[in-house]
Protein backbone atom coordinates (compact mmCIF):
# COMPACT_ATOMS: atom_id res chain seq x y z
CA MET A 1 8.87 8.28 -1.77
CA GLY A 2 5.53 6.49 -2.58
CA ARG A 3 3.71 7.82 0.52
CA PRO A 4 -0.11 6.47 0.30
CA GLY A 5 -3.16 8.46 -0.82
CA TRP A 6 -0.78 10.45 -3.11
CA GLY A 7 -2.51 10.23 -6.63
CA SER A 8 -3.61 8.12 -8.31
CA PRO A 9 -2.25 4.02 -7.93
CA LEU A 10 -1.00 3.11 -11.20
CA VAL A 11 -2.96 -0.04 -12.48
CA VAL A 12 -0.27 -3.22 -12.67
CA ASN A 13 -0.82 -6.19 -13.80
CA LEU A 14 1.40 -7.94 -10.93
CA ALA A 15 2.47 -11.49 -11.41
CA ALA A 16 0.62 -13.94 -9.25
CA HIS A 17 1.09 -17.35 -8.84
CA ARG A 18 -2.26 -19.71 -8.51
CA THR A 19 -2.68 -23.24 -7.44
CA GLY A 20 -5.19 -25.38 -5.36
CA SER A 21 -8.86 -25.14 -4.99
CA GLY A 22 -11.06 -23.32 -2.77
CA ASP A 23 -12.19 -19.79 -1.33
CA PRO A 24 -9.38 -17.39 -2.41
CA LEU A 25 -6.37 -16.64 -0.12
CA VAL A 26 -4.26 -14.04 -1.28
CA LEU A 27 -0.58 -14.19 -0.45
CA VAL A 28 1.90 -10.67 -0.18
CA PRO A 29 5.66 -11.11 0.36
CA GLY A 30 7.97 -9.36 2.26
CA LEU A 31 10.96 -7.10 1.38
CA GLY A 32 12.69 -8.35 -1.89
CA GLY A 33 10.52 -11.50 -1.32
CA SER A 34 8.53 -13.42 -4.12
CA ALA A 35 5.91 -15.83 -4.46
CA ARG A 36 8.52 -18.21 -3.54
CA SER A 37 8.52 -16.76 -0.28
CA TRP A 38 5.56 -18.78 0.57
CA GLU A 39 6.67 -22.52 -0.66
CA THR A 40 7.31 -24.07 2.40
CA VAL A 41 2.98 -23.44 3.63
CA VAL A 42 1.51 -22.86 0.14
CA PRO A 43 1.21 -27.37 -0.33
CA GLY A 44 -0.58 -26.98 3.36
CA LEU A 45 -2.13 -23.82 2.20
CA ALA A 46 -3.18 -25.15 -1.27
CA ALA A 47 -5.00 -28.14 0.26
CA ALA A 48 -7.81 -25.97 1.59
CA ARG A 49 -7.75 -22.69 -0.53
CA GLU A 50 -6.95 -21.60 -3.78
CA VAL A 51 -3.95 -19.64 -2.84
CA ILE A 52 -2.68 -16.36 -4.76
CA ALA A 53 0.52 -15.44 -4.38
CA VAL A 54 1.48 -12.11 -5.81
CA ASP A 55 4.98 -10.89 -6.68
CA LEU A 56 5.25 -7.26 -5.37
CA PRO A 57 6.58 -4.86 -8.33
CA GLY A 58 11.08 -4.62 -7.93
CA PHE A 59 11.83 -7.32 -5.92
CA ALA A 60 12.33 -11.14 -6.64
CA GLY A 61 9.40 -11.93 -8.72
CA ALA A 62 8.64 -11.44 -12.15
CA THR A 63 6.50 -7.86 -11.49
CA PRO A 64 8.82 -4.63 -12.81
CA ALA A 65 9.58 -2.09 -10.69
CA LEU A 66 7.44 1.28 -9.88
CA PRO A 67 8.68 4.41 -10.81
CA ASP A 68 8.93 5.44 -7.43
CA PRO A 69 8.27 2.61 -4.70
CA GLY A 70 8.00 2.64 -1.30
CA PHE A 71 5.37 1.36 1.16
CA GLY A 72 3.06 3.76 0.00
CA SER A 73 2.98 3.01 -3.86
CA LEU A 74 3.53 -0.52 -3.61
CA THR A 75 0.03 -0.90 -1.13
CA ASP A 76 -1.57 1.72 -3.67
CA THR A 77 -0.88 -0.47 -6.64
CA LEU A 78 -1.97 -3.57 -4.52
CA ALA A 79 -5.14 -1.93 -3.68
CA ALA A 80 -5.49 -1.51 -7.27
CA TRP A 81 -4.76 -4.37 -8.44
CA LEU A 82 -6.73 -6.74 -5.87
CA ARG A 83 -10.22 -4.68 -6.87
CA GLU A 84 -9.09 -5.18 -10.82
CA GLN A 85 -9.28 -8.56 -10.37
CA GLY A 86 -12.20 -9.28 -7.90
CA LEU A 87 -10.42 -10.04 -4.87
CA ALA A 88 -11.42 -6.63 -2.97
CA ASP A 89 -12.68 -9.09 -0.18
CA ALA A 90 -10.54 -12.31 -0.36
CA PRO A 91 -8.28 -12.93 2.68
CA LEU A 92 -5.21 -11.56 2.79
CA VAL A 93 -1.77 -12.82 4.29
CA GLY A 94 1.54 -10.77 4.49
CA THR A 95 4.69 -11.24 6.24
CA SER A 96 7.18 -8.45 7.40
CA LEU A 97 6.51 -5.48 4.56
CA GLY A 98 3.69 -7.67 3.11
CA ALA A 99 2.41 -7.88 6.85
CA ARG A 100 2.27 -4.30 7.52
CA MET A 101 0.63 -3.89 3.87
CA VAL A 102 -1.85 -5.68 4.63
CA LEU A 103 -2.72 -4.08 8.18
CA GLU A 104 -2.89 -0.74 5.95
CA LEU A 105 -5.35 -2.44 3.56
CA SER A 106 -7.59 -4.09 6.44
CA ARG A 107 -7.58 -0.33 8.16
CA ARG A 108 -9.13 1.25 4.22
CA GLY A 109 -12.03 -1.65 4.35
CA LEU A 110 -10.18 -4.09 1.54
CA GLY A 111 -9.95 -8.36 2.80
CA ARG A 112 -12.23 -9.74 4.78
CA ASP A 113 -10.29 -11.94 7.84
CA ASN A 114 -6.60 -11.04 7.38
CA VAL A 115 -3.71 -12.37 8.56
CA ALA A 116 -0.23 -10.25 9.58
CA LEU A 117 2.85 -12.18 10.05
CA ASP A 118 5.60 -9.59 11.98
CA PRO A 119 4.76 -6.70 10.55
CA GLY A 120 6.95 -3.84 10.51
CA GLY A 121 5.84 0.14 11.09
CA PHE A 122 5.84 -0.31 15.05
CA TRP A 123 9.38 0.14 16.02
CA THR A 124 10.47 3.51 17.56
CA ASP A 125 12.88 5.85 15.67
CA ARG A 126 16.24 4.50 17.68
CA GLU A 127 14.54 0.50 16.33
CA ALA A 128 14.22 1.36 12.54
CA ALA A 129 17.59 2.88 12.59
CA VAL A 130 19.17 -0.20 13.54
CA PHE A 131 16.40 -2.11 11.59
CA SER A 132 17.73 -0.01 8.58
CA ALA A 133 21.32 -0.35 9.38
CA SER A 134 21.71 -3.80 10.03
CA LEU A 135 19.52 -4.79 6.86
CA ARG A 136 21.58 -2.21 4.83
CA ALA A 137 25.04 -4.52 5.82
CA SER A 138 23.11 -7.69 5.17
CA ILE A 139 21.93 -6.83 1.85
CA ALA A 140 25.21 -5.47 1.30
CA LEU A 141 27.41 -8.92 2.16
CA LEU A 142 24.27 -10.72 0.32
CA ARG A 143 25.56 -8.70 -2.77
CA ARG A 144 29.16 -9.29 -2.32
CA ILE A 145 29.01 -13.12 -1.90
CA ARG A 146 25.76 -13.28 -3.94
CA PRO A 147 27.75 -16.44 -6.45
CA ALA A 148 28.90 -18.44 -3.11
CA LEU A 149 24.92 -18.08 -1.41
CA PRO A 150 24.06 -21.95 -2.45
CA ALA A 151 27.55 -23.29 -1.31
CA VAL A 152 27.38 -21.13 1.93
CA LEU A 153 23.54 -21.54 2.80
CA GLY A 154 24.27 -25.54 1.81
CA ASN A 155 25.82 -26.22 5.00
CA PRO A 156 24.54 -25.32 8.60
CA VAL A 157 27.24 -23.29 9.76
CA GLY A 158 27.15 -20.90 6.98
CA ARG A 159 23.44 -20.94 6.74
CA THR A 160 23.75 -19.90 11.13
CA ALA A 161 26.08 -17.07 10.43
CA LEU A 162 23.68 -15.68 7.70
CA LEU A 163 20.00 -16.22 8.89
CA ALA A 164 20.72 -15.60 12.71
CA GLN A 165 18.71 -12.14 12.36
CA PHE A 166 15.93 -13.80 10.48
CA SER A 167 15.63 -17.14 11.87
CA ALA A 168 15.52 -18.69 15.50
CA ARG A 169 17.21 -22.10 14.36
CA PRO A 170 18.90 -21.26 10.71
CA TRP A 171 20.80 -24.30 11.31
CA ALA A 172 18.16 -26.48 10.56
CA LEU A 173 16.51 -24.80 7.70
CA ASP A 174 16.04 -26.09 3.70
CA GLY A 175 19.80 -24.77 2.26
CA ALA A 176 17.87 -24.80 -1.34
CA VAL A 177 15.05 -22.38 -0.17
CA VAL A 178 16.71 -19.71 1.61
CA ALA A 179 19.17 -19.72 -0.65
CA ARG A 180 16.70 -18.91 -3.25
CA GLU A 181 15.52 -16.04 -1.10
CA LEU A 182 17.96 -14.44 -0.07
CA THR A 183 19.39 -14.05 -3.81
CA GLY A 184 16.46 -12.90 -4.87
CA TYR A 185 16.90 -10.35 -2.25
CA ALA A 186 20.24 -9.50 -3.44
CA GLN A 187 19.04 -8.91 -6.91
CA SER A 188 15.72 -6.89 -6.51
CA PRO A 189 16.19 -3.72 -8.19
CA SER A 190 13.48 -1.44 -5.37
CA PHE A 191 15.20 -3.09 -1.97
CA ASP A 192 17.07 -0.03 -1.09
CA ALA A 193 14.89 2.68 -1.63
CA VAL A 194 11.38 0.66 0.01
CA LEU A 195 13.98 0.15 3.18
CA ALA A 196 15.12 3.56 3.20
CA ASP A 197 11.11 4.41 2.82
CA LEU A 198 10.06 2.13 5.79
CA ALA A 199 13.09 3.19 7.74
CA HIS A 200 12.46 7.00 7.46
CA GLY A 201 8.90 7.39 6.54
CA PRO A 202 5.82 7.63 8.94
CA ARG A 203 5.01 4.59 11.47
CA GLN A 204 1.89 2.75 10.81
CA GLN A 205 -1.40 3.94 11.56
CA GLY A 206 -4.27 1.88 13.75
CA ALA A 207 -7.40 1.24 13.25
CA PRO A 208 -10.13 1.90 15.54
CA ALA A 209 -12.76 -0.77 16.94
CA GLY A 210 -15.26 -1.77 14.61
CA SER A 211 -13.86 -0.46 11.12
CA LEU A 212 -12.24 -3.53 9.84
CA PRO A 213 -13.51 -5.75 7.47
CA GLY A 214 -13.74 -8.99 9.19
CA ARG A 215 -10.87 -10.75 11.41
CA LEU A 216 -7.57 -9.54 11.72
CA THR A 217 -5.12 -11.89 13.31
CA ILE A 218 -1.54 -10.87 13.62
CA GLY A 219 1.02 -13.69 14.01
CA TRP A 220 4.54 -13.20 15.71
CA GLY A 221 7.58 -14.99 16.29
CA ARG A 222 8.88 -14.79 20.01
CA HIS A 223 12.83 -14.28 18.43
CA ASP A 224 12.18 -11.96 15.66
CA ARG A 225 15.28 -9.98 15.42
CA VAL A 226 13.89 -7.94 12.78
CA THR A 227 10.80 -6.55 14.10
CA LEU A 228 11.19 -7.30 17.69
CA ALA A 229 8.89 -8.97 20.11
CA ARG A 230 8.44 -5.84 22.08
CA GLN A 231 6.60 -4.19 19.07
CA ALA A 232 3.86 -7.15 18.83
CA ALA A 233 2.10 -4.68 22.03
CA ARG A 234 2.28 -1.50 19.78
CA ALA A 235 0.59 -3.00 16.72
CA GLN A 236 -2.54 -4.82 18.76
CA GLN A 237 -3.03 -1.24 20.55
CA ALA A 238 -3.39 -0.01 17.17
CA PHE A 239 -5.41 -2.24 15.89
CA PRO A 240 -7.21 -3.42 19.46
CA GLU A 241 -9.60 -6.04 17.52
CA ALA A 242 -6.49 -8.05 16.13
CA GLU A 243 -5.89 -11.71 17.74
CA LEU A 244 -2.44 -11.78 18.68
CA HIS A 245 -0.59 -15.57 17.93
CA TRP A 246 2.72 -15.89 19.78
CA PHE A 247 5.41 -18.70 17.69
CA ALA A 248 7.32 -19.62 20.48
CA GLY A 249 10.21 -21.62 18.14
CA SER A 250 10.11 -18.77 15.63
CA GLY A 251 12.31 -15.98 14.72
CA HIS A 252 10.97 -13.44 11.93
CA PHE A 253 9.91 -15.99 9.30
CA PRO A 254 7.30 -18.13 10.57
CA MET A 255 6.96 -20.14 7.29
CA TRP A 256 10.51 -21.37 7.51
CA ASP A 257 10.55 -21.79 11.46
CA ALA A 258 7.32 -23.13 11.84
CA PRO A 259 5.58 -23.80 8.36
CA ALA A 260 2.69 -26.60 9.92
CA GLU A 261 1.66 -23.75 12.95
CA THR A 262 1.66 -21.12 10.21
CA VAL A 263 -0.38 -23.35 8.06
CA ASP A 264 -2.49 -23.84 11.03
CA VAL A 265 -3.22 -19.93 11.67
CA VAL A 266 -3.50 -19.13 8.67
CA LEU A 267 -6.43 -21.12 7.72
CA ALA A 268 -8.30 -21.04 11.00
CA GLY A 269 -8.04 -17.45 10.98
CA THR A 270 -9.31 -17.00 7.48
CA ALA A 271 -12.00 -19.61 7.67
CA ARG A 272 -15.56 -18.84 6.98
CA ARG A 273 -17.98 -18.24 9.92
């Protein structure tokens, strides 16, 4: 499903949320997320940049689903939207699925100085199977208990039980923030189809030295239990010009576990030189 380069991408009017002023910075959420996935870091980023946080089709935000949702169709759609909006050379920042999309767009020559936080696509077949099975189980649980999510996530014990796969310090997270995020996952119409495509589709291609549009920073949480930390070496091998930044105290989402550090890494990695 949704393989890159299959036909012409749909020109979709992605919902985008803008704030701040300065050079534009485009934020791409992860699987099932939305522009609100970045709410812990947007104030820090918007103090220096015009932040443009997009809602990908078929996830928690306001953009309707694609007819054939998958990694390729989502990436093609975002690429077409960036060109249509005059943002093809704006720095791109992505998390998880969005990070892999940023790597693919970098490989195609889009963006400028781009940042990818804990990207997927560098797993072995066994790791992909575990990734798929664990997320399928997690989303099934979230859908069953969705009405109770605010209450469950409103206390440290509940957060620890539900978020150990995603965060190195789940008990310390803001309950309202993670409740909104997980509710969005449970309500995303394209979550299952895109998850299956990620798990069973081709792995992420790399980019030879000298082919990227600018600098590339790959950030990785030392305690990532979704895209395992050992996959970072494969990502760096595929993108040999990338600078690898380790988030020492973070799980899969450094925006949750290390928001101030995330702001610093993004602003440094996308600063004009």
